[in-house]
């Protein structure tokens, strides 16, 4: 709409260049999706809202089971066009705080022979009917006993701090193992430190 075919001084090429567009993009005529594809996309949309944790591969498998004669590549293209993403967490969730102190791994070769010697914590997710929640636990390595657990629908440090405080009500370990993600290296989490723990 910004390009004038009958502009008195500027050619279409010059106007495209001024707008940062290639000339071919001005002449491009999009090909409309067929009625069959629109029906397929509608079904994909319904399946996405029913199972938001599914990616395009599971959507493809479900469509095949329901009798749709489609290829995986086609479903991948339409999935991308619809802009859908699985609601499952992406890989590499454990990112450290940018300026945090790196704690060396102290447990290599360590004999764990008593309770309350080493505690550890981590975050995982639990699939739900509509989405998922995050679960953090604090575990005693010797007994494998779960000292505390907390649920949250966000990856903030709050529920991790609560889990740590509850675990420390049982005992104070000599070592505390964590993946050094941003939740566990934050000031709020490390501020609970009773000053006798070796973080690792």
N, C-alpha and C. Protein backbone atom coordinates (compact mmCIF):
# COMPACT_ATOMS: atom_id res chain seq x y z
N UNK A 1 0.82 -1.21 0.00
CA UNK A 1 0.00 0.00 0.00
C UNK A 1 0.86 1.26 0.00
N UNK A 2 2.11 1.15 0.46
CA UNK A 2 2.98 2.32 0.51
C UNK A 2 3.65 2.61 -0.82
N UNK A 3 3.56 1.68 -1.74
CA UNK A 3 4.22 1.85 -3.04
C UNK A 3 3.22 2.35 -4.08
N UNK A 4 3.59 3.40 -4.76
CA UNK A 4 2.74 3.99 -5.80
C UNK A 4 3.28 3.59 -7.17
N UNK A 5 2.46 2.89 -7.93
CA UNK A 5 2.88 2.47 -9.27
C UNK A 5 3.11 3.68 -10.17
N UNK A 6 2.30 4.71 -10.03
CA UNK A 6 2.37 5.88 -10.92
C UNK A 6 3.08 7.06 -10.27
N UNK A 7 4.05 6.76 -9.41
CA UNK A 7 4.77 7.86 -8.76
C UNK A 7 5.54 8.67 -9.82
N UNK A 8 5.46 10.00 -9.77
CA UNK A 8 6.06 10.82 -10.85
C UNK A 8 7.58 10.74 -10.94
N UNK A 9 8.27 10.47 -9.83
CA UNK A 9 9.74 10.49 -9.88
C UNK A 9 10.42 9.20 -9.44
N UNK A 10 9.76 8.42 -8.59
CA UNK A 10 10.39 7.21 -8.06
C UNK A 10 9.84 5.96 -8.73
N UNK A 11 10.74 5.10 -9.17
CA UNK A 11 10.32 3.82 -9.74
C UNK A 11 9.92 2.88 -8.62
N UNK A 12 9.27 1.76 -8.99
CA UNK A 12 8.89 0.75 -8.00
C UNK A 12 10.13 0.22 -7.30
N UNK A 13 11.21 0.02 -8.07
CA UNK A 13 12.46 -0.49 -7.50
C UNK A 13 13.02 0.47 -6.45
N UNK A 14 12.99 1.77 -6.73
CA UNK A 14 13.51 2.77 -5.80
C UNK A 14 12.65 2.84 -4.54
N UNK A 15 11.33 2.72 -4.71
CA UNK A 15 10.44 2.75 -3.55
C UNK A 15 10.63 1.52 -2.67
N UNK A 16 10.83 0.37 -3.31
CA UNK A 16 11.08 -0.86 -2.54
C UNK A 16 12.38 -0.74 -1.76
N UNK A 17 13.41 -0.19 -2.40
CA UNK A 17 14.71 -0.03 -1.74
C UNK A 17 14.58 0.91 -0.54
N UNK A 18 13.79 1.99 -0.70
CA UNK A 18 13.59 2.94 0.39
C UNK A 18 12.86 2.29 1.57
N UNK A 19 12.00 1.32 1.29
CA UNK A 19 11.24 0.63 2.34
C UNK A 19 11.97 -0.59 2.89
N UNK A 20 13.12 -0.91 2.29
CA UNK A 20 13.88 -2.07 2.75
C UNK A 20 13.29 -3.38 2.26
N UNK A 21 12.59 -3.37 1.12
CA UNK A 21 11.97 -4.56 0.57
C UNK A 21 12.65 -4.95 -0.73
N UNK A 22 12.62 -6.23 -1.04
CA UNK A 22 13.07 -6.65 -2.36
C UNK A 22 11.94 -6.39 -3.36
N UNK A 23 12.30 -6.13 -4.61
CA UNK A 23 11.27 -5.83 -5.60
C UNK A 23 10.36 -7.03 -5.83
N UNK A 24 10.91 -8.22 -5.72
CA UNK A 24 10.10 -9.43 -5.94
C UNK A 24 9.00 -9.55 -4.89
N UNK A 25 9.25 -9.05 -3.66
CA UNK A 25 8.23 -9.15 -2.62
C UNK A 25 7.01 -8.28 -2.95
N UNK A 26 7.23 -7.19 -3.72
CA UNK A 26 6.10 -6.34 -4.12
C UNK A 26 5.20 -7.07 -5.12
N UNK A 27 5.81 -7.82 -6.02
CA UNK A 27 5.04 -8.51 -7.06
C UNK A 27 4.52 -9.88 -6.60
N UNK A 28 4.96 -10.31 -5.40
CA UNK A 28 4.57 -11.64 -4.92
C UNK A 28 3.07 -11.71 -4.65
N UNK A 29 2.43 -12.75 -5.16
CA UNK A 29 1.01 -13.00 -4.90
C UNK A 29 0.91 -14.29 -4.09
N UNK A 30 0.49 -14.21 -2.82
CA UNK A 30 0.45 -15.42 -2.00
C UNK A 30 -0.54 -16.45 -2.54
N UNK A 31 -0.17 -17.71 -2.40
CA UNK A 31 -1.05 -18.80 -2.83
C UNK A 31 -1.92 -19.18 -1.64
N UNK A 32 -3.21 -19.10 -1.81
CA UNK A 32 -4.14 -19.41 -0.72
C UNK A 32 -4.16 -20.91 -0.45
N UNK A 33 -4.32 -21.25 0.82
CA UNK A 33 -4.41 -22.66 1.20
C UNK A 33 -5.74 -23.24 0.71
N UNK A 34 -5.70 -24.51 0.33
CA UNK A 34 -6.91 -25.17 -0.14
C UNK A 34 -7.89 -25.39 1.02
N UNK A 35 -9.14 -25.67 0.67
CA UNK A 35 -10.17 -25.95 1.68
C UNK A 35 -9.78 -27.15 2.54
N UNK A 36 -9.19 -28.15 1.90
CA UNK A 36 -8.75 -29.36 2.62
C UNK A 36 -7.69 -29.01 3.67
N UNK A 37 -6.74 -28.14 3.28
CA UNK A 37 -5.67 -27.74 4.21
C UNK A 37 -6.23 -26.91 5.35
N UNK A 38 -7.18 -26.05 5.08
CA UNK A 38 -7.80 -25.24 6.12
C UNK A 38 -8.52 -26.11 7.15
N UNK A 39 -9.16 -27.17 6.69
CA UNK A 39 -9.83 -28.12 7.59
C UNK A 39 -8.78 -28.82 8.46
N UNK A 40 -7.67 -29.21 7.81
CA UNK A 40 -6.58 -29.87 8.53
C UNK A 40 -5.98 -28.94 9.59
N UNK A 41 -5.79 -27.68 9.24
CA UNK A 41 -5.23 -26.70 10.19
C UNK A 41 -6.19 -26.47 11.35
N UNK A 42 -7.48 -26.47 11.05
CA UNK A 42 -8.48 -26.31 12.11
C UNK A 42 -8.41 -27.49 13.08
N UNK A 43 -8.25 -28.69 12.54
CA UNK A 43 -8.15 -29.88 13.39
C UNK A 43 -6.87 -29.84 14.23
N UNK A 44 -5.77 -29.37 13.64
CA UNK A 44 -4.51 -29.23 14.37
C UNK A 44 -4.67 -28.23 15.52
N UNK A 45 -5.40 -27.15 15.26
CA UNK A 45 -5.63 -26.14 16.28
C UNK A 45 -6.42 -26.73 17.45
N UNK A 46 -7.46 -27.51 17.14
CA UNK A 46 -8.26 -28.14 18.18
C UNK A 46 -7.41 -29.09 19.02
N UNK A 47 -6.55 -29.87 18.34
CA UNK A 47 -5.70 -30.83 19.04
C UNK A 47 -4.68 -30.11 19.92
N UNK A 48 -4.20 -28.96 19.44
CA UNK A 48 -3.23 -28.20 20.22
C UNK A 48 -3.85 -27.70 21.53
N UNK A 49 -5.10 -27.23 21.46
CA UNK A 49 -5.75 -26.74 22.68
C UNK A 49 -6.18 -27.88 23.61
N UNK A 50 -6.43 -29.06 23.02
CA UNK A 50 -6.75 -30.22 23.84
C UNK A 50 -5.50 -30.78 24.53
N UNK A 51 -4.37 -30.78 23.81
CA UNK A 51 -3.11 -31.34 24.32
C UNK A 51 -1.99 -30.31 24.08
N UNK A 52 -1.93 -29.24 24.87
CA UNK A 52 -0.95 -28.18 24.61
C UNK A 52 0.50 -28.62 24.77
N UNK A 53 0.73 -29.78 25.39
CA UNK A 53 2.09 -30.25 25.56
C UNK A 53 2.62 -30.97 24.31
N UNK A 54 1.74 -31.24 23.33
CA UNK A 54 2.14 -31.95 22.13
C UNK A 54 2.91 -31.03 21.18
N UNK A 55 3.94 -31.59 20.54
CA UNK A 55 4.62 -30.92 19.44
C UNK A 55 4.06 -31.44 18.12
N UNK A 56 4.66 -30.98 17.01
CA UNK A 56 4.08 -31.34 15.71
C UNK A 56 4.19 -32.84 15.42
N UNK A 57 5.20 -33.51 15.99
CA UNK A 57 5.35 -34.96 15.72
C UNK A 57 4.20 -35.76 16.33
N UNK A 58 3.81 -35.40 17.55
CA UNK A 58 2.68 -36.12 18.18
C UNK A 58 1.37 -35.74 17.50
N UNK A 59 1.26 -34.49 17.07
CA UNK A 59 0.07 -34.08 16.32
C UNK A 59 -0.02 -34.89 15.03
N UNK A 60 1.12 -35.05 14.36
CA UNK A 60 1.16 -35.85 13.13
C UNK A 60 0.72 -37.29 13.39
N UNK A 61 1.27 -37.89 14.46
CA UNK A 61 0.93 -39.28 14.78
C UNK A 61 -0.57 -39.42 15.08
N UNK A 62 -1.13 -38.46 15.80
CA UNK A 62 -2.57 -38.50 16.12
C UNK A 62 -3.42 -38.35 14.87
N UNK A 63 -3.02 -37.46 14.00
CA UNK A 63 -3.77 -37.26 12.75
C UNK A 63 -3.76 -38.53 11.90
N UNK A 64 -2.60 -39.19 11.84
CA UNK A 64 -2.51 -40.44 11.08
C UNK A 64 -3.44 -41.50 11.67
N UNK A 65 -3.48 -41.56 13.01
CA UNK A 65 -4.37 -42.53 13.67
C UNK A 65 -5.84 -42.23 13.39
N UNK A 66 -6.14 -40.96 13.19
CA UNK A 66 -7.53 -40.57 12.94
C UNK A 66 -7.89 -40.62 11.46
N UNK A 67 -6.97 -41.14 10.64
CA UNK A 67 -7.29 -41.37 9.23
C UNK A 67 -6.88 -40.27 8.27
N UNK A 68 -6.17 -39.26 8.73
CA UNK A 68 -5.70 -38.20 7.83
C UNK A 68 -4.48 -38.70 7.07
N UNK A 69 -4.53 -38.64 5.76
CA UNK A 69 -3.43 -39.09 4.91
C UNK A 69 -2.49 -37.90 4.66
N UNK A 70 -1.60 -37.65 5.61
CA UNK A 70 -0.71 -36.49 5.54
C UNK A 70 0.73 -36.93 5.82
N UNK A 71 1.67 -36.10 5.37
CA UNK A 71 3.08 -36.38 5.64
C UNK A 71 3.54 -35.55 6.84
N UNK A 72 4.60 -36.01 7.48
CA UNK A 72 5.12 -35.30 8.64
C UNK A 72 5.63 -33.91 8.24
N UNK A 73 6.24 -33.81 7.05
CA UNK A 73 6.76 -32.52 6.58
C UNK A 73 5.64 -31.50 6.42
N UNK A 74 4.51 -31.97 5.93
CA UNK A 74 3.37 -31.06 5.74
C UNK A 74 2.86 -30.55 7.09
N UNK A 75 2.76 -31.45 8.06
CA UNK A 75 2.30 -31.06 9.39
C UNK A 75 3.30 -30.09 10.03
N UNK A 76 4.59 -30.34 9.83
CA UNK A 76 5.62 -29.43 10.37
C UNK A 76 5.47 -28.03 9.76
N UNK A 77 5.21 -27.96 8.44
CA UNK A 77 5.03 -26.66 7.78
C UNK A 77 3.81 -25.92 8.31
N UNK A 78 2.70 -26.63 8.44
CA UNK A 78 1.47 -26.00 8.92
C UNK A 78 1.58 -25.62 10.40
N UNK A 79 2.27 -26.46 11.16
CA UNK A 79 2.50 -26.18 12.59
C UNK A 79 3.27 -24.87 12.75
N UNK A 80 4.29 -24.71 11.90
CA UNK A 80 5.08 -23.48 11.93
C UNK A 80 4.25 -22.28 11.47
N UNK A 81 3.43 -22.50 10.46
CA UNK A 81 2.59 -21.41 9.95
C UNK A 81 1.56 -20.96 11.00
N UNK A 82 1.04 -21.91 11.76
CA UNK A 82 0.08 -21.57 12.82
C UNK A 82 0.76 -20.90 14.01
N UNK A 83 2.08 -21.05 14.10
CA UNK A 83 2.82 -20.40 15.18
C UNK A 83 2.70 -21.10 16.52
N UNK A 84 2.36 -22.39 16.51
CA UNK A 84 2.19 -23.11 17.75
C UNK A 84 3.54 -23.62 18.28
N UNK A 85 3.63 -23.74 19.60
CA UNK A 85 4.77 -24.35 20.26
C UNK A 85 4.24 -25.26 21.36
N UNK A 86 4.93 -26.36 21.59
CA UNK A 86 4.58 -27.21 22.72
C UNK A 86 4.77 -26.42 24.01
N UNK A 87 3.88 -26.65 24.98
CA UNK A 87 3.98 -25.94 26.25
C UNK A 87 4.99 -26.58 27.20
N UNK A 88 5.62 -27.68 26.77
CA UNK A 88 6.63 -28.29 27.62
C UNK A 88 7.84 -27.38 27.71
N UNK A 89 8.55 -27.41 28.83
CA UNK A 89 9.74 -26.57 28.95
C UNK A 89 10.77 -26.92 27.89
N UNK A 90 11.49 -25.92 27.43
CA UNK A 90 12.54 -26.13 26.46
C UNK A 90 13.76 -26.73 27.15
N UNK A 91 14.69 -27.26 26.37
CA UNK A 91 15.91 -27.82 26.92
C UNK A 91 16.78 -26.73 27.54
N UNK A 92 17.72 -27.16 28.38
CA UNK A 92 18.69 -26.26 29.01
C UNK A 92 18.02 -25.19 29.85
N UNK A 93 17.21 -25.63 30.79
CA UNK A 93 16.51 -24.69 31.67
C UNK A 93 17.44 -24.13 32.74
N UNK A 94 18.49 -24.84 33.07
CA UNK A 94 19.34 -24.46 34.20
C UNK A 94 20.40 -23.46 33.76
N UNK A 95 20.06 -22.21 33.78
CA UNK A 95 21.00 -21.17 33.38
C UNK A 95 21.42 -20.38 34.62
N UNK A 96 22.73 -20.24 34.86
CA UNK A 96 23.17 -19.53 36.06
C UNK A 96 22.94 -18.04 35.97
N UNK A 97 22.83 -17.38 37.11
CA UNK A 97 22.79 -15.94 37.15
C UNK A 97 24.08 -15.41 36.54
N UNK A 98 23.98 -14.35 35.74
CA UNK A 98 25.13 -13.87 34.96
C UNK A 98 26.35 -13.58 35.81
N UNK A 99 26.17 -13.01 36.98
CA UNK A 99 27.32 -12.59 37.79
C UNK A 99 27.55 -13.49 39.02
N UNK A 100 26.96 -14.67 39.03
CA UNK A 100 27.05 -15.48 40.25
C UNK A 100 28.42 -16.12 40.41
N UNK A 101 28.76 -16.43 41.65
CA UNK A 101 30.00 -17.13 41.96
C UNK A 101 29.83 -18.60 41.61
N UNK A 102 30.78 -19.14 40.85
CA UNK A 102 30.70 -20.55 40.46
C UNK A 102 31.22 -21.42 41.61
N UNK A 103 30.42 -22.39 42.02
CA UNK A 103 30.80 -23.28 43.12
C UNK A 103 31.40 -24.56 42.55
N UNK A 104 32.60 -24.95 42.97
CA UNK A 104 33.23 -26.17 42.43
C UNK A 104 32.49 -27.42 42.92
N UNK A 105 32.62 -28.48 42.14
CA UNK A 105 31.99 -29.75 42.52
C UNK A 105 32.88 -30.44 43.55
N UNK A 106 32.37 -30.62 44.75
CA UNK A 106 33.16 -31.14 45.88
C UNK A 106 32.86 -32.60 46.22
N UNK A 107 31.94 -33.21 45.46
CA UNK A 107 31.48 -34.54 45.86
C UNK A 107 32.18 -35.66 45.12
N UNK A 108 33.09 -35.33 44.21
CA UNK A 108 33.78 -36.35 43.44
C UNK A 108 34.67 -37.19 44.37
N UNK A 109 34.37 -38.47 44.49
CA UNK A 109 35.15 -39.36 45.34
C UNK A 109 34.80 -39.29 46.81
N UNK A 110 33.82 -38.45 47.15
CA UNK A 110 33.43 -38.32 48.56
C UNK A 110 32.60 -39.52 49.00
N UNK A 111 32.96 -40.15 50.13
CA UNK A 111 32.17 -41.25 50.68
C UNK A 111 31.03 -40.67 51.49
N UNK A 112 29.80 -41.00 51.08
CA UNK A 112 28.62 -40.50 51.78
C UNK A 112 28.13 -41.62 52.68
N UNK A 113 28.40 -41.48 53.96
CA UNK A 113 28.13 -42.59 54.87
C UNK A 113 27.17 -42.29 55.99
N UNK A 114 26.67 -41.06 56.06
CA UNK A 114 25.75 -40.71 57.15
C UNK A 114 24.61 -39.84 56.63
N UNK A 115 23.46 -39.87 57.30
CA UNK A 115 22.39 -38.94 56.95
C UNK A 115 22.84 -37.50 57.21
N UNK A 116 22.21 -36.57 56.54
CA UNK A 116 22.45 -35.13 56.71
C UNK A 116 23.87 -34.71 56.32
N UNK A 117 24.55 -35.56 55.55
CA UNK A 117 25.88 -35.19 55.07
C UNK A 117 25.77 -34.38 53.77
N UNK A 118 24.94 -34.87 52.85
CA UNK A 118 24.76 -34.19 51.56
C UNK A 118 23.27 -34.08 51.26
N UNK A 119 22.82 -32.86 51.01
CA UNK A 119 21.48 -32.62 50.48
C UNK A 119 21.63 -32.17 49.03
N UNK A 120 20.60 -32.40 48.25
CA UNK A 120 20.61 -31.88 46.88
C UNK A 120 19.22 -31.40 46.50
N UNK A 121 19.16 -30.55 45.48
CA UNK A 121 17.88 -30.02 45.02
C UNK A 121 17.87 -29.93 43.51
N UNK A 122 16.70 -29.96 42.95
CA UNK A 122 16.53 -29.80 41.50
C UNK A 122 15.09 -29.44 41.22
N UNK A 123 14.84 -29.02 39.97
CA UNK A 123 13.49 -28.67 39.52
C UNK A 123 13.11 -29.57 38.37
N UNK A 124 11.89 -30.08 38.39
CA UNK A 124 11.35 -30.83 37.26
C UNK A 124 9.95 -30.32 37.00
N UNK A 125 9.28 -30.86 36.00
CA UNK A 125 7.91 -30.44 35.72
C UNK A 125 6.98 -31.64 35.71
N UNK A 126 5.74 -31.38 36.06
CA UNK A 126 4.71 -32.42 36.08
C UNK A 126 3.64 -32.07 35.07
N UNK A 127 3.42 -32.91 34.05
CA UNK A 127 2.35 -32.64 33.09
C UNK A 127 0.99 -32.69 33.78
N UNK A 128 0.13 -31.75 33.41
CA UNK A 128 -1.23 -31.69 33.94
C UNK A 128 -2.22 -31.79 32.78
N UNK A 129 -3.49 -31.80 33.08
CA UNK A 129 -4.51 -31.88 32.03
C UNK A 129 -4.41 -30.70 31.08
N UNK A 130 -4.11 -29.52 31.62
CA UNK A 130 -3.96 -28.33 30.78
C UNK A 130 -2.66 -27.63 31.14
N UNK A 131 -1.55 -28.14 30.62
CA UNK A 131 -0.26 -27.53 30.87
C UNK A 131 0.58 -28.34 31.83
N UNK A 132 1.29 -27.69 32.75
CA UNK A 132 2.18 -28.37 33.66
C UNK A 132 2.48 -27.45 34.84
N UNK A 133 3.06 -28.03 35.91
CA UNK A 133 3.54 -27.26 37.05
C UNK A 133 4.98 -27.69 37.32
N UNK A 134 5.72 -26.83 38.00
CA UNK A 134 7.10 -27.13 38.37
C UNK A 134 7.15 -27.71 39.78
N UNK A 135 8.01 -28.68 39.96
CA UNK A 135 8.21 -29.32 41.26
C UNK A 135 9.68 -29.21 41.64
N UNK A 136 9.95 -28.74 42.85
CA UNK A 136 11.32 -28.77 43.37
C UNK A 136 11.34 -29.60 44.64
N UNK A 137 12.40 -30.35 44.83
CA UNK A 137 12.55 -31.19 46.01
C UNK A 137 13.94 -31.00 46.60
N UNK A 138 14.05 -31.26 47.88
CA UNK A 138 15.36 -31.33 48.55
C UNK A 138 15.48 -32.75 49.11
N UNK A 139 16.55 -33.44 48.74
CA UNK A 139 16.72 -34.86 49.08
C UNK A 139 18.01 -35.08 49.85
N UNK A 140 17.95 -35.98 50.83
CA UNK A 140 19.14 -36.44 51.53
C UNK A 140 19.76 -37.56 50.71
N UNK A 141 21.01 -37.40 50.30
CA UNK A 141 21.65 -38.38 49.42
C UNK A 141 21.85 -39.74 50.09
N UNK A 142 22.09 -39.77 51.39
CA UNK A 142 22.36 -41.05 52.06
C UNK A 142 21.10 -41.90 52.14
N UNK A 143 20.02 -41.31 52.62
CA UNK A 143 18.79 -42.08 52.83
C UNK A 143 17.84 -42.02 51.65
N UNK A 144 18.08 -41.09 50.71
CA UNK A 144 17.18 -40.84 49.57
C UNK A 144 15.83 -40.31 50.05
N UNK A 145 15.79 -39.82 51.26
CA UNK A 145 14.54 -39.29 51.81
C UNK A 145 14.30 -37.88 51.29
N UNK A 146 13.08 -37.62 50.84
CA UNK A 146 12.72 -36.29 50.36
C UNK A 146 12.36 -35.43 51.56
N UNK A 147 13.20 -34.48 51.86
CA UNK A 147 13.04 -33.65 53.05
C UNK A 147 11.96 -32.59 52.88
N UNK A 148 11.83 -32.08 51.67
CA UNK A 148 10.80 -31.07 51.40
C UNK A 148 10.50 -31.04 49.91
N UNK A 149 9.34 -30.53 49.59
CA UNK A 149 8.93 -30.40 48.19
C UNK A 149 7.96 -29.23 48.07
N UNK A 150 8.03 -28.55 46.94
CA UNK A 150 7.15 -27.41 46.69
C UNK A 150 6.76 -27.40 45.22
N UNK A 151 5.53 -26.91 44.95
CA UNK A 151 5.02 -26.79 43.59
C UNK A 151 4.86 -25.32 43.22
N UNK A 152 4.99 -25.02 41.93
CA UNK A 152 4.78 -23.66 41.44
C UNK A 152 4.40 -23.72 39.97
N UNK A 153 3.70 -22.69 39.50
CA UNK A 153 3.41 -22.61 38.07
C UNK A 153 4.36 -21.66 37.36
N UNK A 154 5.39 -21.19 38.07
CA UNK A 154 6.43 -20.35 37.48
C UNK A 154 7.80 -20.84 37.94
N UNK A 155 8.85 -20.38 37.24
CA UNK A 155 10.21 -20.80 37.57
C UNK A 155 10.92 -19.77 38.44
N UNK A 156 10.19 -19.08 39.30
CA UNK A 156 10.81 -18.09 40.17
C UNK A 156 11.52 -18.79 41.32
N UNK A 157 12.32 -18.00 42.07
CA UNK A 157 13.11 -18.58 43.15
C UNK A 157 12.29 -18.85 44.40
N UNK A 158 11.11 -18.24 44.50
CA UNK A 158 10.32 -18.29 45.74
C UNK A 158 10.09 -19.71 46.23
N UNK A 159 9.58 -20.59 45.38
CA UNK A 159 9.22 -21.93 45.84
C UNK A 159 10.47 -22.77 46.15
N UNK A 160 11.60 -22.43 45.49
CA UNK A 160 12.87 -23.11 45.80
C UNK A 160 13.36 -22.72 47.19
N UNK A 161 13.22 -21.43 47.51
CA UNK A 161 13.64 -20.94 48.82
C UNK A 161 12.81 -21.57 49.93
N UNK A 162 11.50 -21.69 49.70
CA UNK A 162 10.62 -22.30 50.71
C UNK A 162 11.01 -23.75 50.93
N UNK A 163 11.33 -24.47 49.85
CA UNK A 163 11.74 -25.88 49.97
C UNK A 163 13.03 -25.99 50.77
N UNK A 164 13.98 -25.08 50.54
CA UNK A 164 15.24 -25.10 51.28
C UNK A 164 15.01 -24.82 52.76
N UNK A 165 14.21 -23.81 53.07
CA UNK A 165 13.93 -23.47 54.47
C UNK A 165 13.30 -24.64 55.21
N UNK A 166 12.36 -25.34 54.56
CA UNK A 166 11.71 -26.49 55.19
C UNK A 166 12.70 -27.63 55.41
N UNK A 167 13.61 -27.84 54.44
CA UNK A 167 14.60 -28.92 54.57
C UNK A 167 15.55 -28.64 55.73
N UNK A 168 15.93 -27.37 55.89
CA UNK A 168 16.88 -27.01 56.95
C UNK A 168 16.25 -27.11 58.34
N UNK A 169 14.93 -27.23 58.39
CA UNK A 169 14.28 -27.47 59.68
C UNK A 169 14.57 -28.89 60.19
N UNK A 170 14.87 -29.81 59.24
CA UNK A 170 15.22 -31.19 59.62
C UNK A 170 16.66 -31.25 60.14
N UNK A 171 17.57 -30.66 59.36
CA UNK A 171 18.99 -30.68 59.72
C UNK A 171 19.74 -29.75 58.78
N UNK A 172 20.97 -29.45 59.16
CA UNK A 172 21.83 -28.63 58.30
C UNK A 172 22.92 -29.54 57.73
N UNK A 173 22.98 -29.71 56.42
CA UNK A 173 23.96 -30.64 55.84
C UNK A 173 25.36 -30.02 55.78
N UNK A 174 26.33 -30.88 55.58
CA UNK A 174 27.70 -30.39 55.36
C UNK A 174 27.86 -29.89 53.93
N UNK A 175 27.22 -30.60 52.98
CA UNK A 175 27.29 -30.23 51.56
C UNK A 175 25.88 -30.07 51.01
N UNK A 176 25.74 -29.13 50.09
CA UNK A 176 24.45 -28.95 49.41
C UNK A 176 24.71 -28.89 47.92
N UNK A 177 24.20 -29.89 47.19
CA UNK A 177 24.43 -30.00 45.75
C UNK A 177 23.27 -29.42 44.96
N UNK A 178 23.59 -28.64 43.92
CA UNK A 178 22.57 -28.02 43.06
C UNK A 178 23.15 -27.90 41.66
N UNK A 179 22.27 -27.63 40.68
CA UNK A 179 22.76 -27.50 39.31
C UNK A 179 23.27 -26.09 38.98
N UNK A 180 23.25 -25.20 39.96
CA UNK A 180 23.74 -23.83 39.82
C UNK A 180 22.97 -23.04 38.76
N UNK A 181 21.69 -23.38 38.60
CA UNK A 181 20.80 -22.57 37.78
C UNK A 181 20.50 -21.25 38.48
N UNK A 182 19.82 -20.36 37.78
CA UNK A 182 19.61 -19.01 38.31
C UNK A 182 18.82 -18.99 39.61
N UNK A 183 17.89 -19.95 39.79
CA UNK A 183 17.11 -19.99 41.03
C UNK A 183 18.03 -20.29 42.23
N UNK A 184 18.98 -21.22 42.03
CA UNK A 184 19.81 -21.70 43.14
C UNK A 184 21.05 -20.85 43.37
N UNK A 185 21.34 -19.92 42.46
CA UNK A 185 22.49 -19.04 42.66
C UNK A 185 22.04 -17.60 42.92
N UNK A 186 20.75 -17.42 43.14
CA UNK A 186 20.23 -16.09 43.41
C UNK A 186 20.52 -15.69 44.86
N UNK A 187 20.50 -14.39 45.09
CA UNK A 187 20.74 -13.87 46.45
C UNK A 187 19.67 -14.36 47.41
N UNK A 188 18.43 -14.44 46.94
CA UNK A 188 17.33 -14.88 47.80
C UNK A 188 17.54 -16.31 48.29
N UNK A 189 18.05 -17.19 47.40
CA UNK A 189 18.26 -18.59 47.78
C UNK A 189 19.49 -18.75 48.66
N UNK A 190 20.61 -18.17 48.24
CA UNK A 190 21.86 -18.32 48.99
C UNK A 190 21.85 -17.53 50.29
N UNK A 191 20.93 -16.55 50.39
CA UNK A 191 20.83 -15.77 51.62
C UNK A 191 20.32 -16.57 52.80
N UNK A 192 19.76 -17.76 52.52
CA UNK A 192 19.26 -18.64 53.58
C UNK A 192 20.41 -19.43 54.20
N UNK A 193 21.57 -19.37 53.58
CA UNK A 193 22.76 -20.12 53.99
C UNK A 193 23.09 -19.92 55.47
N UNK A 194 23.08 -21.00 56.26
CA UNK A 194 23.45 -20.87 57.67
C UNK A 194 24.95 -20.76 57.89
N UNK A 195 25.71 -20.54 56.81
CA UNK A 195 27.16 -20.27 56.86
C UNK A 195 28.02 -21.50 57.17
N UNK A 196 27.41 -22.66 57.27
CA UNK A 196 28.19 -23.87 57.53
C UNK A 196 28.13 -24.85 56.35
N UNK A 197 27.33 -24.49 55.33
CA UNK A 197 27.13 -25.38 54.19
C UNK A 197 28.21 -25.13 53.13
N UNK A 198 28.72 -26.21 52.57
CA UNK A 198 29.58 -26.11 51.39
C UNK A 198 28.68 -26.29 50.16
N UNK A 199 28.47 -25.21 49.40
CA UNK A 199 27.64 -25.28 48.19
C UNK A 199 28.45 -25.94 47.09
N UNK A 200 27.83 -26.85 46.36
CA UNK A 200 28.54 -27.53 45.29
C UNK A 200 27.60 -27.91 44.16
